[in-house]
Amino acid sequence: MSKEDNYKLNAARTVDLAKRAATLADKDHLLDLAEKWLDLADRAQELRQRSERRKGAPHEHPLLRRKLGPDGADGRIEAVRGFGYRYRRPARSAQ
């Protein structure tokens, strides 16, 4: 079970406890706690997604991509993981 799933399970259990709370103050406290568990689940999901993106292709800045177009100035500019960007000279045609 992932951290994200554990946090969601803790939130559900906390809501169940809140349903059985004796006082309104206890119920409010437990519902606040359940909300914090769900916030942690969201954070864990964001971290997991960010980690998965890093493992894949290099991240390209959207503003640069918009300015250069989808091919990156005819494919001559490319993202290099851990470095930034580099210019690739066009291949010379043999005459």
N, C-alpha and C. Protein backbone atom coordinates (compact mmCIF):
# COMPACT_ATOMS: atom_id res chain seq x y z
N MET A 1 0.84 -1.17 0.00
CA MET A 1 0.00 0.00 0.00
C MET A 1 0.90 1.24 0.00
N SER A 2 0.58 2.20 -0.83
CA SER A 2 1.39 3.41 -0.95
C SER A 2 1.10 4.36 0.22
N LYS A 3 2.00 5.33 0.40
CA LYS A 3 1.78 6.35 1.43
C LYS A 3 0.46 7.07 1.19
N GLU A 4 0.22 7.36 -0.07
CA GLU A 4 -1.01 8.06 -0.45
C GLU A 4 -2.24 7.28 0.01
N ASP A 5 -2.24 5.98 -0.22
CA ASP A 5 -3.37 5.13 0.19
C ASP A 5 -3.48 5.06 1.71
N ASN A 6 -2.32 4.99 2.40
CA ASN A 6 -2.34 4.97 3.87
C ASN A 6 -2.93 6.25 4.42
N TYR A 7 -2.57 7.38 3.85
CA TYR A 7 -3.11 8.66 4.32
C TYR A 7 -4.62 8.72 4.11
N LYS A 8 -5.08 8.24 2.97
CA LYS A 8 -6.52 8.25 2.70
C LYS A 8 -7.26 7.31 3.66
N LEU A 9 -6.66 6.18 3.95
CA LEU A 9 -7.26 5.23 4.90
C LEU A 9 -7.33 5.86 6.30
N ASN A 10 -6.26 6.54 6.70
CA ASN A 10 -6.27 7.22 8.00
C ASN A 10 -7.36 8.29 8.04
N ALA A 11 -7.55 9.00 6.94
CA ALA A 11 -8.60 10.02 6.88
C ALA A 11 -9.97 9.37 7.05
N ALA A 12 -10.19 8.26 6.39
CA ALA A 12 -11.49 7.58 6.49
C ALA A 12 -11.73 7.07 7.92
N ARG A 13 -10.69 6.54 8.54
CA ARG A 13 -10.84 6.05 9.91
C ARG A 13 -11.11 7.21 10.87
N THR A 14 -10.48 8.35 10.62
CA THR A 14 -10.69 9.51 11.47
C THR A 14 -12.11 10.04 11.33
N VAL A 15 -12.65 10.00 10.12
CA VAL A 15 -14.05 10.42 9.91
C VAL A 15 -14.99 9.47 10.65
N ASP A 16 -14.68 8.18 10.62
CA ASP A 16 -15.51 7.23 11.37
C ASP A 16 -15.48 7.53 12.87
N LEU A 17 -14.30 7.87 13.38
CA LEU A 17 -14.21 8.24 14.79
C LEU A 17 -15.02 9.50 15.07
N ALA A 18 -14.98 10.46 14.15
CA ALA A 18 -15.72 11.72 14.33
C ALA A 18 -17.22 11.46 14.40
N LYS A 19 -17.70 10.48 13.64
CA LYS A 19 -19.13 10.16 13.67
C LYS A 19 -19.57 9.68 15.05
N ARG A 20 -18.63 9.06 15.77
CA ARG A 20 -18.96 8.51 17.09
C ARG A 20 -18.49 9.40 18.24
N ALA A 21 -18.01 10.60 17.93
CA ALA A 21 -17.50 11.49 18.97
C ALA A 21 -18.61 11.92 19.92
N ALA A 22 -18.25 12.06 21.18
CA ALA A 22 -19.23 12.40 22.20
C ALA A 22 -19.58 13.88 22.20
N THR A 23 -18.60 14.71 21.94
CA THR A 23 -18.85 16.16 21.99
C THR A 23 -18.61 16.78 20.61
N LEU A 24 -19.19 17.94 20.44
CA LEU A 24 -19.04 18.66 19.18
C LEU A 24 -17.58 19.10 18.98
N ALA A 25 -16.91 19.47 20.06
CA ALA A 25 -15.51 19.90 19.98
C ALA A 25 -14.63 18.74 19.50
N ASP A 26 -14.87 17.54 20.04
CA ASP A 26 -14.10 16.36 19.60
C ASP A 26 -14.36 16.07 18.13
N LYS A 27 -15.61 16.18 17.73
CA LYS A 27 -15.98 15.91 16.34
C LYS A 27 -15.26 16.90 15.41
N ASP A 28 -15.27 18.19 15.77
CA ASP A 28 -14.59 19.20 14.95
C ASP A 28 -13.09 18.92 14.85
N HIS A 29 -12.50 18.56 16.00
CA HIS A 29 -11.07 18.27 16.01
C HIS A 29 -10.74 17.08 15.11
N LEU A 30 -11.53 16.04 15.18
CA LEU A 30 -11.29 14.84 14.37
C LEU A 30 -11.50 15.12 12.88
N LEU A 31 -12.50 15.92 12.54
CA LEU A 31 -12.71 16.25 11.13
C LEU A 31 -11.57 17.12 10.58
N ASP A 32 -11.03 18.01 11.42
CA ASP A 32 -9.85 18.78 11.01
C ASP A 32 -8.67 17.85 10.76
N LEU A 33 -8.52 16.87 11.63
CA LEU A 33 -7.44 15.90 11.48
C LEU A 33 -7.61 15.09 10.19
N ALA A 34 -8.83 14.69 9.88
CA ALA A 34 -9.09 13.94 8.64
C ALA A 34 -8.74 14.79 7.42
N GLU A 35 -9.04 16.07 7.49
CA GLU A 35 -8.70 16.97 6.39
C GLU A 35 -7.19 17.06 6.20
N LYS A 36 -6.46 17.06 7.30
CA LYS A 36 -4.99 17.10 7.22
C LYS A 36 -4.45 15.80 6.60
N TRP A 37 -5.06 14.68 6.93
CA TRP A 37 -4.66 13.41 6.30
C TRP A 37 -4.86 13.46 4.79
N LEU A 38 -5.99 14.05 4.37
CA LEU A 38 -6.24 14.16 2.93
C LEU A 38 -5.27 15.12 2.26
N ASP A 39 -4.88 16.18 2.97
CA ASP A 39 -3.85 17.08 2.44
C ASP A 39 -2.53 16.35 2.24
N LEU A 40 -2.18 15.51 3.21
CA LEU A 40 -0.95 14.72 3.08
C LEU A 40 -1.04 13.75 1.89
N ALA A 41 -2.21 13.18 1.68
CA ALA A 41 -2.39 12.28 0.54
C ALA A 41 -2.19 13.04 -0.77
N ASP A 42 -2.71 14.25 -0.86
CA ASP A 42 -2.52 15.07 -2.06
C ASP A 42 -1.05 15.39 -2.28
N ARG A 43 -0.36 15.74 -1.20
CA ARG A 43 1.08 16.03 -1.32
C ARG A 43 1.87 14.81 -1.77
N ALA A 44 1.53 13.66 -1.21
CA ALA A 44 2.23 12.42 -1.59
C ALA A 44 2.01 12.13 -3.06
N GLN A 45 0.80 12.36 -3.55
CA GLN A 45 0.50 12.14 -4.97
C GLN A 45 1.31 13.10 -5.84
N GLU A 46 1.38 14.37 -5.45
CA GLU A 46 2.15 15.35 -6.22
C GLU A 46 3.63 14.98 -6.26
N LEU A 47 4.17 14.55 -5.12
CA LEU A 47 5.58 14.16 -5.08
C LEU A 47 5.84 12.94 -5.95
N ARG A 48 4.91 11.99 -5.92
CA ARG A 48 5.08 10.78 -6.74
C ARG A 48 5.05 11.14 -8.22
N GLN A 49 4.12 12.01 -8.61
CA GLN A 49 4.03 12.41 -10.01
C GLN A 49 5.26 13.19 -10.45
N ARG A 50 5.75 14.07 -9.58
CA ARG A 50 6.96 14.83 -9.90
C ARG A 50 8.15 13.90 -10.06
N SER A 51 8.24 12.91 -9.20
CA SER A 51 9.34 11.95 -9.28
C SER A 51 9.26 11.14 -10.57
N GLU A 52 8.05 10.75 -10.96
CA GLU A 52 7.88 9.99 -12.20
C GLU A 52 8.25 10.82 -13.42
N ARG A 53 7.94 12.12 -13.38
CA ARG A 53 8.30 12.99 -14.51
C ARG A 53 9.81 13.11 -14.64
N ARG A 54 10.51 13.18 -13.50
CA ARG A 54 11.97 13.30 -13.53
C ARG A 54 12.62 12.06 -14.13
N LYS A 55 12.01 10.91 -13.91
CA LYS A 55 12.57 9.67 -14.42
C LYS A 55 12.41 9.56 -15.93
N GLY A 56 11.44 10.26 -16.47
CA GLY A 56 11.16 10.19 -17.90
C GLY A 56 12.02 11.14 -18.70
N ALA A 57 11.47 11.66 -19.74
CA ALA A 57 12.18 12.58 -20.63
C ALA A 57 12.50 13.87 -19.89
N PRO A 58 13.51 14.58 -20.34
CA PRO A 58 13.85 15.84 -19.70
C PRO A 58 12.69 16.83 -19.77
N HIS A 59 12.56 17.61 -18.72
CA HIS A 59 11.48 18.59 -18.66
C HIS A 59 11.82 19.77 -19.55
N GLU A 60 10.87 20.16 -20.36
CA GLU A 60 11.06 21.32 -21.21
C GLU A 60 10.14 22.42 -20.72
N HIS A 61 10.68 23.59 -20.59
CA HIS A 61 9.89 24.70 -20.07
C HIS A 61 8.79 25.06 -21.07
N PRO A 62 7.54 25.19 -20.62
CA PRO A 62 6.42 25.44 -21.55
C PRO A 62 6.53 26.76 -22.30
N LEU A 63 7.11 27.79 -21.67
CA LEU A 63 7.24 29.06 -22.38
C LEU A 63 8.24 28.96 -23.52
N LEU A 64 9.32 28.24 -23.28
CA LEU A 64 10.31 28.03 -24.35
C LEU A 64 9.68 27.22 -25.48
N ARG A 65 8.94 26.19 -25.13
CA ARG A 65 8.32 25.34 -26.15
C ARG A 65 7.31 26.16 -26.96
N ARG A 66 6.55 27.04 -26.30
CA ARG A 66 5.56 27.86 -26.99
C ARG A 66 6.26 28.83 -27.94
N LYS A 67 7.38 29.40 -27.50
CA LYS A 67 8.09 30.38 -28.31
C LYS A 67 8.74 29.72 -29.53
N LEU A 68 9.32 28.55 -29.33
CA LEU A 68 10.05 27.89 -30.41
C LEU A 68 9.17 26.99 -31.27
N GLY A 69 8.02 26.64 -30.76
CA GLY A 69 7.15 25.74 -31.49
C GLY A 69 7.40 24.31 -31.06
N PRO A 70 6.55 23.38 -31.48
CA PRO A 70 6.66 22.00 -31.02
C PRO A 70 7.95 21.30 -31.46
N ASP A 71 8.54 21.74 -32.55
CA ASP A 71 9.77 21.10 -33.03
C ASP A 71 11.03 21.76 -32.50
N GLY A 72 10.90 22.83 -31.72
CA GLY A 72 12.07 23.47 -31.13
C GLY A 72 13.00 24.04 -32.18
N ALA A 73 12.55 25.01 -32.93
CA ALA A 73 13.36 25.62 -33.99
C ALA A 73 13.86 24.53 -34.94
N ASP A 74 12.91 23.81 -35.51
CA ASP A 74 13.19 22.72 -36.45
C ASP A 74 13.99 21.59 -35.80
N GLY A 75 13.78 21.38 -34.51
CA GLY A 75 14.44 20.27 -33.83
C GLY A 75 15.88 20.54 -33.46
N ARG A 76 16.34 21.78 -33.60
CA ARG A 76 17.75 22.07 -33.31
C ARG A 76 17.99 22.38 -31.85
N ILE A 77 16.96 22.69 -31.08
CA ILE A 77 17.13 22.93 -29.65
C ILE A 77 16.47 21.78 -28.92
N GLU A 78 17.23 21.17 -28.00
CA GLU A 78 16.70 20.03 -27.26
C GLU A 78 17.03 20.17 -25.79
N ALA A 79 16.18 19.60 -24.95
CA ALA A 79 16.39 19.61 -23.51
C ALA A 79 17.37 18.49 -23.16
N VAL A 80 18.28 18.79 -22.26
CA VAL A 80 19.27 17.82 -21.82
C VAL A 80 19.09 17.66 -20.31
N ARG A 81 18.78 16.46 -19.90
CA ARG A 81 18.52 16.20 -18.49
C ARG A 81 19.73 16.55 -17.63
N GLY A 82 19.48 17.31 -16.57
CA GLY A 82 20.54 17.67 -15.64
C GLY A 82 21.44 18.79 -16.14
N PHE A 83 21.18 19.33 -17.32
CA PHE A 83 22.04 20.38 -17.87
C PHE A 83 21.22 21.59 -18.26
N GLY A 84 20.24 21.41 -19.07
CA GLY A 84 19.42 22.51 -19.56
C GLY A 84 19.04 22.27 -21.01
N TYR A 85 19.52 23.12 -21.88
CA TYR A 85 19.21 23.00 -23.31
C TYR A 85 20.49 23.06 -24.11
N ARG A 86 20.45 22.51 -25.30
CA ARG A 86 21.61 22.61 -26.19
C ARG A 86 21.12 22.80 -27.62
N TYR A 87 21.97 23.45 -28.37
CA TYR A 87 21.71 23.69 -29.78
C TYR A 87 22.37 22.58 -30.58
N ARG A 88 21.62 21.99 -31.44
CA ARG A 88 22.15 20.92 -32.29
C ARG A 88 22.25 21.47 -33.69
N ARG A 89 23.45 21.46 -34.22
CA ARG A 89 23.64 21.98 -35.57
C ARG A 89 22.93 21.10 -36.59
N PRO A 90 22.37 21.74 -37.61
CA PRO A 90 21.71 20.93 -38.65
C PRO A 90 22.74 20.10 -39.39
N ALA A 91 22.32 18.92 -39.78
CA ALA A 91 23.22 18.05 -40.53
C ALA A 91 23.51 18.66 -41.90
N ARG A 92 24.77 18.59 -42.28
CA ARG A 92 25.14 19.10 -43.60
C ARG A 92 24.83 18.07 -44.66
N SER A 93 24.31 18.52 -45.72
CA SER A 93 24.00 17.58 -46.80
C SER A 93 25.23 17.40 -47.68
N ALA A 94 25.49 16.19 -48.06
CA ALA A 94 26.65 15.88 -48.91
C ALA A 94 26.33 16.26 -50.36
N GLN A 95 27.22 17.05 -50.96
CA GLN A 95 26.96 17.46 -52.35
C GLN A 95 28.00 16.89 -53.27
